[in-house]
Amino acid sequence: MMDFFPRIIPEFTVFKFIARMVIRAVGIWGYYFLFVGLDLFICTKFIYKALKEEKFETAVAISILMLILVGGIIALVNT
C-alpha cells in the first residue's frame, strides 16, 4: 500500500519546487519578505488573541512554532 504513494515528505520535493517557483518569481529577498512576513503576521495575530484571553502557555507555544517555521523557511532557501 505504501508503494502506491510517492515519498515526497521526507525529501521535501514538493516544498522545494514551490520555493524555487516563488524565488524565480520574486527573487530571494522577495521570498524572505513574503513568507517570513506572512508567517510573522499570522502568528502574531494568534499570539495577540491568546494574550487577550490570558492564555500565556498558548502564546509561548505559538511563538515557538513561529520560530520553527521561520527556521524552516530559511533552511529551504539555503538548500
PDB file of N, CA and C in Angstrom:
ATOM      1  N   MET A   1       0.824  -1.194   0.000  1.00  0.00           N
ATOM      2  CA  MET A   1       0.000   0.000   0.000  1.00  0.00           C
ATOM      3  C   MET A   1       0.868   1.258   0.000  1.00  0.00           C
ATOM      4  N   MET A   2       1.985   1.234   0.729  1.00  0.00           N
ATOM      5  CA  MET A   2       2.830   2.416   0.792  1.00  0.00           C
ATOM      6  C   MET A   2       3.600   2.653  -0.503  1.00  0.00           C
ATOM      7  N   ASP A   3       3.758   1.621  -1.323  1.00  0.00           N
ATOM      8  CA  ASP A   3       4.450   1.803  -2.596  1.00  0.00           C
ATOM      9  C   ASP A   3       3.621   2.601  -3.581  1.00  0.00           C
ATOM     10  N   PHE A   4       2.318   2.665  -3.333  1.00  0.00           N
ATOM     11  CA  PHE A   4       1.436   3.397  -4.238  1.00  0.00           C
ATOM     12  C   PHE A   4       1.672   4.900  -4.154  1.00  0.00           C
ATOM     13  N   PHE A   5       1.936   5.391  -2.940  1.00  0.00           N
ATOM     14  CA  PHE A   5       2.121   6.820  -2.737  1.00  0.00           C
ATOM     15  C   PHE A   5       3.589   7.193  -2.909  1.00  0.00           C
ATOM     16  N   PRO A   6       3.872   8.300  -3.588  1.00  0.00           N
ATOM     17  CA  PRO A   6       5.277   8.712  -3.733  1.00  0.00           C
ATOM     18  C   PRO A   6       5.825   9.233  -2.410  1.00  0.00           C
ATOM     19  N   ARG A   7       7.113   9.089  -2.210  1.00  0.00           N
ATOM     20  CA  ARG A   7       7.773   9.569  -0.993  1.00  0.00           C
ATOM     21  C   ARG A   7       8.175  11.024  -1.190  1.00  0.00           C
ATOM     22  N   ILE A   8       7.295  11.945  -0.854  1.00  0.00           N
ATOM     23  CA  ILE A   8       7.615  13.358  -1.064  1.00  0.00           C
ATOM     24  C   ILE A   8       7.908  14.082   0.241  1.00  0.00           C
ATOM     25  N   ILE A   9       7.352  13.647   1.336  1.00  0.00           N
ATOM     26  CA  ILE A   9       7.531  14.381   2.582  1.00  0.00           C
ATOM     27  C   ILE A   9       8.956  14.276   3.118  1.00  0.00           C
ATOM     28  N   PRO A  10       9.606  13.085   3.184  1.00  0.00           N
ATOM     29  CA  PRO A  10      10.972  13.065   3.725  1.00  0.00           C
ATOM     30  C   PRO A  10      11.970  13.840   2.879  1.00  0.00           C
ATOM     31  N   GLU A  11      11.728  13.944   1.604  1.00  0.00           N
ATOM     32  CA  GLU A  11      12.685  14.625   0.735  1.00  0.00           C
ATOM     33  C   GLU A  11      12.309  16.078   0.476  1.00  0.00           C
ATOM     34  N   PHE A  12      11.148  16.498   0.887  1.00  0.00           N
ATOM     35  CA  PHE A  12      10.658  17.866   0.702  1.00  0.00           C
ATOM     36  C   PHE A  12      10.666  18.282  -0.771  1.00  0.00           C
ATOM     37  N   THR A  13      10.370  17.365  -1.653  1.00  0.00           N
ATOM     38  CA  THR A  13      10.413  17.661  -3.081  1.00  0.00           C
ATOM     39  C   THR A  13       9.379  18.712  -3.462  1.00  0.00           C
ATOM     40  N   VAL A  14       8.171  18.546  -2.979  1.00  0.00           N
ATOM     41  CA  VAL A  14       7.100  19.484  -3.323  1.00  0.00           C
ATOM     42  C   VAL A  14       7.403  20.862  -2.754  1.00  0.00           C
ATOM     43  N   PHE A  15       7.886  20.905  -1.517  1.00  0.00           N
ATOM     44  CA  PHE A  15       8.170  22.190  -0.888  1.00  0.00           C
ATOM     45  C   PHE A  15       9.328  22.907  -1.582  1.00  0.00           C
ATOM     46  N   LYS A  16      10.340  22.160  -1.980  1.00  0.00           N
ATOM     47  CA  LYS A  16      11.451  22.770  -2.716  1.00  0.00           C
ATOM     48  C   LYS A  16      10.979  23.298  -4.062  1.00  0.00           C
ATOM     49  N   PHE A  17      10.089  22.557  -4.721  1.00  0.00           N
ATOM     50  CA  PHE A  17       9.559  23.004  -6.013  1.00  0.00           C
ATOM     51  C   PHE A  17       8.797  24.311  -5.859  1.00  0.00           C
ATOM     52  N   ILE A  18       7.934  24.382  -4.858  1.00  0.00           N
ATOM     53  CA  ILE A  18       7.171  25.612  -4.624  1.00  0.00           C
ATOM     54  C   ILE A  18       8.112  26.758  -4.277  1.00  0.00           C
ATOM     55  N   ALA A  19       9.117  26.485  -3.446  1.00  0.00           N
ATOM     56  CA  ALA A  19      10.068  27.527  -3.066  1.00  0.00           C
ATOM     57  C   ALA A  19      10.845  28.023  -4.281  1.00  0.00           C
ATOM     58  N   ARG A  20      11.268  27.123  -5.152  1.00  0.00           N
ATOM     59  CA  ARG A  20      12.009  27.551  -6.350  1.00  0.00           C
ATOM     60  C   ARG A  20      11.141  28.387  -7.276  1.00  0.00           C
ATOM     61  N   MET A  21       9.872  28.025  -7.415  1.00  0.00           N
ATOM     62  CA  MET A  21       8.977  28.800  -8.277  1.00  0.00           C
ATOM     63  C   MET A  21       8.782  30.214  -7.728  1.00  0.00           C
ATOM     64  N   VAL A  22       8.613  30.326  -6.420  1.00  0.00           N
ATOM     65  CA  VAL A  22       8.426  31.645  -5.816  1.00  0.00           C
ATOM     66  C   VAL A  22       9.707  32.455  -5.909  1.00  0.00           C
ATOM     67  N   ILE A  23      10.859  31.817  -5.704  1.00  0.00           N
ATOM     68  CA  ILE A  23      12.134  32.532  -5.806  1.00  0.00           C
ATOM     69  C   ILE A  23      12.335  33.057  -7.217  1.00  0.00           C
ATOM     70  N   ARG A  24      11.990  32.266  -8.215  1.00  0.00           N
ATOM     71  CA  ARG A  24      12.116  32.747  -9.596  1.00  0.00           C
ATOM     72  C   ARG A  24      11.174  33.911  -9.869  1.00  0.00           C
ATOM     73  N   ALA A  25      10.012  33.911  -9.221  1.00  0.00           N
ATOM     74  CA  ALA A  25       9.029  34.964  -9.468  1.00  0.00           C
ATOM     75  C   ALA A  25       9.403  36.275  -8.780  1.00  0.00           C
ATOM     76  N   VAL A  26       9.827  36.224  -7.522  1.00  0.00           N
ATOM     77  CA  VAL A  26      10.041  37.462  -6.769  1.00  0.00           C
ATOM     78  C   VAL A  26      11.471  37.668  -6.305  1.00  0.00           C
ATOM     79  N   GLY A  27      12.346  36.733  -6.566  1.00  0.00           N
ATOM     80  CA  GLY A  27      13.727  36.864  -6.116  1.00  0.00           C
ATOM     81  C   GLY A  27      13.898  36.349  -4.703  1.00  0.00           C
ATOM     82  N   ILE A  28      15.140  36.245  -4.286  1.00  0.00           N
ATOM     83  CA  ILE A  28      15.430  35.652  -2.979  1.00  0.00           C
ATOM     84  C   ILE A  28      14.968  36.545  -1.834  1.00  0.00           C
ATOM     85  N   TRP A  29      15.146  37.848  -1.948  1.00  0.00           N
ATOM     86  CA  TRP A  29      14.704  38.740  -0.876  1.00  0.00           C
ATOM     87  C   TRP A  29      13.194  38.844  -0.841  1.00  0.00           C
ATOM     88  N   GLY A  30      12.582  38.789  -2.001  1.00  0.00           N
ATOM     89  CA  GLY A  30      11.125  38.763  -2.041  1.00  0.00           C
ATOM     90  C   GLY A  30      10.569  37.528  -1.368  1.00  0.00           C
ATOM     91  N   TYR A  31      11.271  36.408  -1.557  1.00  0.00           N
ATOM     92  CA  TYR A  31      10.864  35.161  -0.900  1.00  0.00           C
ATOM     93  C   TYR A  31      10.931  35.307   0.609  1.00  0.00           C
ATOM     94  N   TYR A  32      12.029  35.841   1.100  1.00  0.00           N
ATOM     95  CA  TYR A  32      12.153  36.043   2.549  1.00  0.00           C
ATOM     96  C   TYR A  32      11.051  36.958   3.073  1.00  0.00           C
ATOM     97  N   PHE A  33      10.876  38.101   2.429  1.00  0.00           N
ATOM     98  CA  PHE A  33       9.881  39.052   2.912  1.00  0.00           C
ATOM     99  C   PHE A  33       8.469  38.497   2.795  1.00  0.00           C
ATOM    100  N   LEU A  34       8.195  37.761   1.732  1.00  0.00           N
ATOM    101  CA  LEU A  34       6.846  37.241   1.524  1.00  0.00           C
ATOM    102  C   LEU A  34       6.486  36.184   2.561  1.00  0.00           C
ATOM    103  N   PHE A  35       7.285  35.141   2.653  1.00  0.00           N
ATOM    104  CA  PHE A  35       6.918  34.031   3.530  1.00  0.00           C
ATOM    105  C   PHE A  35       7.217  34.298   4.998  1.00  0.00           C
ATOM    106  N   VAL A  36       8.328  34.912   5.302  1.00  0.00           N
ATOM    107  CA  VAL A  36       8.617  35.228   6.705  1.00  0.00           C
ATOM    108  C   VAL A  36       7.643  36.291   7.195  1.00  0.00           C
ATOM    109  N   GLY A  37       7.343  37.265   6.380  1.00  0.00           N
ATOM    110  CA  GLY A  37       6.362  38.282   6.752  1.00  0.00           C
ATOM    111  C   GLY A  37       4.975  37.705   6.944  1.00  0.00           C
ATOM    112  N   LEU A  38       4.586  36.792   6.061  1.00  0.00           N
ATOM    113  CA  LEU A  38       3.288  36.137   6.197  1.00  0.00           C
ATOM    114  C   LEU A  38       3.234  35.301   7.473  1.00  0.00           C
ATOM    115  N   ASP A  39       4.305  34.599   7.749  1.00  0.00           N
ATOM    116  CA  ASP A  39       4.381  33.794   8.974  1.00  0.00           C
ATOM    117  C   ASP A  39       4.299  34.680  10.211  1.00  0.00           C
ATOM    118  N   LEU A  40       5.049  35.763  10.224  1.00  0.00           N
ATOM    119  CA  LEU A  40       5.026  36.666  11.377  1.00  0.00           C
ATOM    120  C   LEU A  40       3.649  37.293  11.572  1.00  0.00           C
ATOM    121  N   PHE A  41       2.995  37.660  10.483  1.00  0.00           N
ATOM    122  CA  PHE A  41       1.673  38.282  10.572  1.00  0.00           C
ATOM    123  C   PHE A  41       0.647  37.315  11.150  1.00  0.00           C
ATOM    124  N   ILE A  42       0.618  36.094  10.621  1.00  0.00           N
ATOM    125  CA  ILE A  42      -0.376  35.120  11.077  1.00  0.00           C
ATOM    126  C   ILE A  42      -0.116  34.713  12.525  1.00  0.00           C
ATOM    127  N   CYS A  43       1.138  34.423  12.851  1.00  0.00           N
ATOM    128  CA  CYS A  43       1.449  34.001  14.222  1.00  0.00           C
ATOM    129  C   CYS A  43       1.235  35.130  15.219  1.00  0.00           C
ATOM    130  N   THR A  44       1.549  36.350  14.840  1.00  0.00           N
ATOM    131  CA  THR A  44       1.332  37.482  15.740  1.00  0.00           C
ATOM    132  C   THR A  44      -0.149  37.687  16.011  1.00  0.00           C
ATOM    133  N   LYS A  45      -0.975  37.458  15.000  1.00  0.00           N
ATOM    134  CA  LYS A  45      -2.419  37.574  15.180  1.00  0.00           C
ATOM    135  C   LYS A  45      -2.921  36.561  16.210  1.00  0.00           C
ATOM    136  N   PHE A  46      -2.445  35.325  16.120  1.00  0.00           N
ATOM    137  CA  PHE A  46      -2.875  34.304  17.071  1.00  0.00           C
ATOM    138  C   PHE A  46      -2.267  34.517  18.456  1.00  0.00           C
ATOM    139  N   ILE A  47      -1.042  35.026  18.517  1.00  0.00           N
ATOM    140  CA  ILE A  47      -0.436  35.338  19.817  1.00  0.00           C
ATOM    141  C   ILE A  47      -1.230  36.448  20.508  1.00  0.00           C
ATOM    142  N   TYR A  48      -1.646  37.445  19.743  1.00  0.00           N
ATOM    143  CA  TYR A  48      -2.434  38.542  20.309  1.00  0.00           C
ATOM    144  C   TYR A  48      -3.760  38.032  20.866  1.00  0.00           C
ATOM    145  N   LYS A  49      -4.416  37.128  20.118  1.00  0.00           N
ATOM    146  CA  LYS A  49      -5.676  36.562  20.609  1.00  0.00           C
ATOM    147  C   LYS A  49      -5.460  35.767  21.889  1.00  0.00           C
ATOM    148  N   ALA A  50      -4.374  34.997  21.946  1.00  0.00           N
ATOM    149  CA  ALA A  50      -4.095  34.196  23.143  1.00  0.00           C
ATOM    150  C   ALA A  50      -3.788  35.089  24.341  1.00  0.00           C
ATOM    151  N   LEU A  51      -3.028  36.146  24.129  1.00  0.00           N
ATOM    152  CA  LEU A  51      -2.713  37.055  25.236  1.00  0.00           C
ATOM    153  C   LEU A  51      -3.941  37.830  25.691  1.00  0.00           C
ATOM    154  N   LYS A  52      -4.827  38.122  24.764  1.00  0.00           N
ATOM    155  CA  LYS A  52      -6.056  38.833  25.100  1.00  0.00           C
ATOM    156  C   LYS A  52      -6.929  37.989  26.033  1.00  0.00           C
ATOM    157  N   GLU A  53      -6.913  36.678  25.829  1.00  0.00           N
ATOM    158  CA  GLU A  53      -7.686  35.768  26.677  1.00  0.00           C
ATOM    159  C   GLU A  53      -6.869  35.261  27.868  1.00  0.00           C
ATOM    160  N   GLU A  54      -5.679  35.815  28.065  1.00  0.00           N
ATOM    161  CA  GLU A  54      -4.773  35.475  29.163  1.00  0.00           C
ATOM    162  C   GLU A  54      -4.385  34.000  29.162  1.00  0.00           C
ATOM    163  N   LYS A  55      -4.115  33.463  27.995  1.00  0.00           N
ATOM    164  CA  LYS A  55      -3.616  32.090  27.854  1.00  0.00           C
ATOM    165  C   LYS A  55      -2.142  32.184  27.474  1.00  0.00           C
ATOM    166  N   PHE A  56      -1.309  32.358  28.485  1.00  0.00           N
ATOM    167  CA  PHE A  56       0.104  32.620  28.259  1.00  0.00           C
ATOM    168  C   PHE A  56       0.848  31.400  27.719  1.00  0.00           C
ATOM    169  N   GLU A  57       0.429  30.198  28.137  1.00  0.00           N
ATOM    170  CA  GLU A  57       1.082  28.987  27.629  1.00  0.00           C
ATOM    171  C   GLU A  57       0.864  28.839  26.127  1.00  0.00           C
ATOM    172  N   THR A  58      -0.342  29.165  25.688  1.00  0.00           N
ATOM    173  CA  THR A  58      -0.640  29.094  24.257  1.00  0.00           C
ATOM    174  C   THR A  58       0.175  30.114  23.487  1.00  0.00           C
ATOM    175  N   ALA A  59       0.323  31.301  24.033  1.00  0.00           N
ATOM    176  CA  ALA A  59       1.111  32.338  23.366  1.00  0.00           C
ATOM    177  C   ALA A  59       2.571  31.917  23.232  1.00  0.00           C
ATOM    178  N   VAL A  60       3.114  31.285  24.265  1.00  0.00           N
ATOM    179  CA  VAL A  60       4.501  30.813  24.200  1.00  0.00           C
ATOM    180  C   VAL A  60       4.630  29.692  23.177  1.00  0.00           C
ATOM    181  N   ALA A  61       3.654  28.785  23.149  1.00  0.00           N
ATOM    182  CA  ALA A  61       3.693  27.683  22.180  1.00  0.00           C
ATOM    183  C   ALA A  61       3.615  28.202  20.747  1.00  0.00           C
ATOM    184  N   ILE A  62       2.778  29.201  20.512  1.00  0.00           N
ATOM    185  CA  ILE A  62       2.665  29.774  19.166  1.00  0.00           C
ATOM    186  C   ILE A  62       3.951  30.488  18.785  1.00  0.00           C
ATOM    187  N   SER A  63       4.581  31.183  19.730  1.00  0.00           N
ATOM    188  CA  SER A  63       5.830  31.874  19.401  1.00  0.00           C
ATOM    189  C   SER A  63       6.947  30.880  19.092  1.00  0.00           C
ATOM    190  N   ILE A  64       6.980  29.741  19.793  1.00  0.00           N
ATOM    191  CA  ILE A  64       7.971  28.710  19.471  1.00  0.00           C
ATOM    192  C   ILE A  64       7.698  28.133  18.091  1.00  0.00           C
ATOM    193  N   LEU A  65       6.432  27.885  17.780  1.00  0.00           N
ATOM    194  CA  LEU A  65       6.064  27.405  16.447  1.00  0.00           C
ATOM    195  C   LEU A  65       6.476  28.405  15.374  1.00  0.00           C
ATOM    196  N   MET A  66       6.306  29.696  15.663  1.00  0.00           N
ATOM    197  CA  MET A  66       6.690  30.727  14.707  1.00  0.00           C
ATOM    198  C   MET A  66       8.191  30.678  14.434  1.00  0.00           C
ATOM    199  N   LEU A  67       8.994  30.507  15.465  1.00  0.00           N
ATOM    200  CA  LEU A  67      10.443  30.423  15.273  1.00  0.00           C
ATOM    201  C   LEU A  67      10.828  29.185  14.468  1.00  0.00           C
ATOM    202  N   ILE A  68      10.133  28.072  14.701  1.00  0.00           N
ATOM    203  CA  ILE A  68      10.401  26.858  13.929  1.00  0.00           C
ATOM    204  C   ILE A  68      10.043  27.069  12.463  1.00  0.00           C
ATOM    205  N   LEU A  69       8.912  27.723  12.204  1.00  0.00           N
ATOM    206  CA  LEU A  69       8.503  27.979  10.819  1.00  0.00           C
ATOM    207  C   LEU A  69       9.485  28.902  10.103  1.00  0.00           C
ATOM    208  N   VAL A  70       9.933  29.944  10.775  1.00  0.00           N
ATOM    209  CA  VAL A  70      10.906  30.856  10.163  1.00  0.00           C
ATOM    210  C   VAL A  70      12.210  30.120   9.881  1.00  0.00           C
ATOM    211  N   GLY A  71      12.653  29.284  10.811  1.00  0.00           N
ATOM    212  CA  GLY A  71      13.860  28.488  10.585  1.00  0.00           C
ATOM    213  C   GLY A  71      13.700  27.527   9.428  1.00  0.00           C
ATOM    214  N   GLY A  72      12.527  26.936   9.290  1.00  0.00           N
ATOM    215  CA  GLY A  72      12.272  26.036   8.168  1.00  0.00           C
ATOM    216  C   GLY A  72      12.268  26.754   6.841  1.00  0.00           C
ATOM    217  N   ILE A  73      11.710  27.956   6.807  1.00  0.00           N
ATOM    218  CA  ILE A  73      11.706  28.745   5.570  1.00  0.00           C
ATOM    219  C   ILE A  73      13.132  29.096   5.171  1.00  0.00           C
ATOM    220  N   ILE A  74      13.933  29.513   6.116  1.00  0.00           N
ATOM    221  CA  ILE A  74      15.326  29.863   5.818  1.00  0.00           C
ATOM    222  C   ILE A  74      16.107  28.629   5.388  1.00  0.00           C
ATOM    223  N   ALA A  75      15.842  27.485   6.027  1.00  0.00           N
ATOM    224  CA  ALA A  75      16.539  26.251   5.649  1.00  0.00           C
ATOM    225  C   ALA A  75      16.170  25.814   4.239  1.00  0.00           C
ATOM    226  N   LEU A  76      14.915  26.003   3.847  1.00  0.00           N
ATOM    227  CA  LEU A  76      14.511  25.637   2.486  1.00  0.00           C
ATOM    228  C   LEU A  76      15.190  26.518   1.450  1.00  0.00           C
ATOM    229  N   VAL A  77      15.381  27.787   1.779  1.00  0.00           N
ATOM    230  CA  VAL A  77      16.038  28.685   0.829  1.00  0.00           C
ATOM    231  C   VAL A  77      17.501  28.308   0.674  1.00  0.00           C
ATOM    232  N   ASN A  78      18.143  27.922   1.756  1.00  0.00           N
ATOM    233  CA  ASN A  78      19.577  27.653   1.716  1.00  0.00           C
ATOM    234  C   ASN A  78      19.937  26.293   1.149  1.00  0.00           C
ATOM    235  N   THR A  79      18.939  25.453   0.830  1.00  0.00           N
ATOM    236  CA  THR A  79      19.261  24.135   0.261  1.00  0.00           C
ATOM    237  C   THR A  79      19.348  24.193  -1.239  1.00  0.00           C
TER     238      THR A  79
END
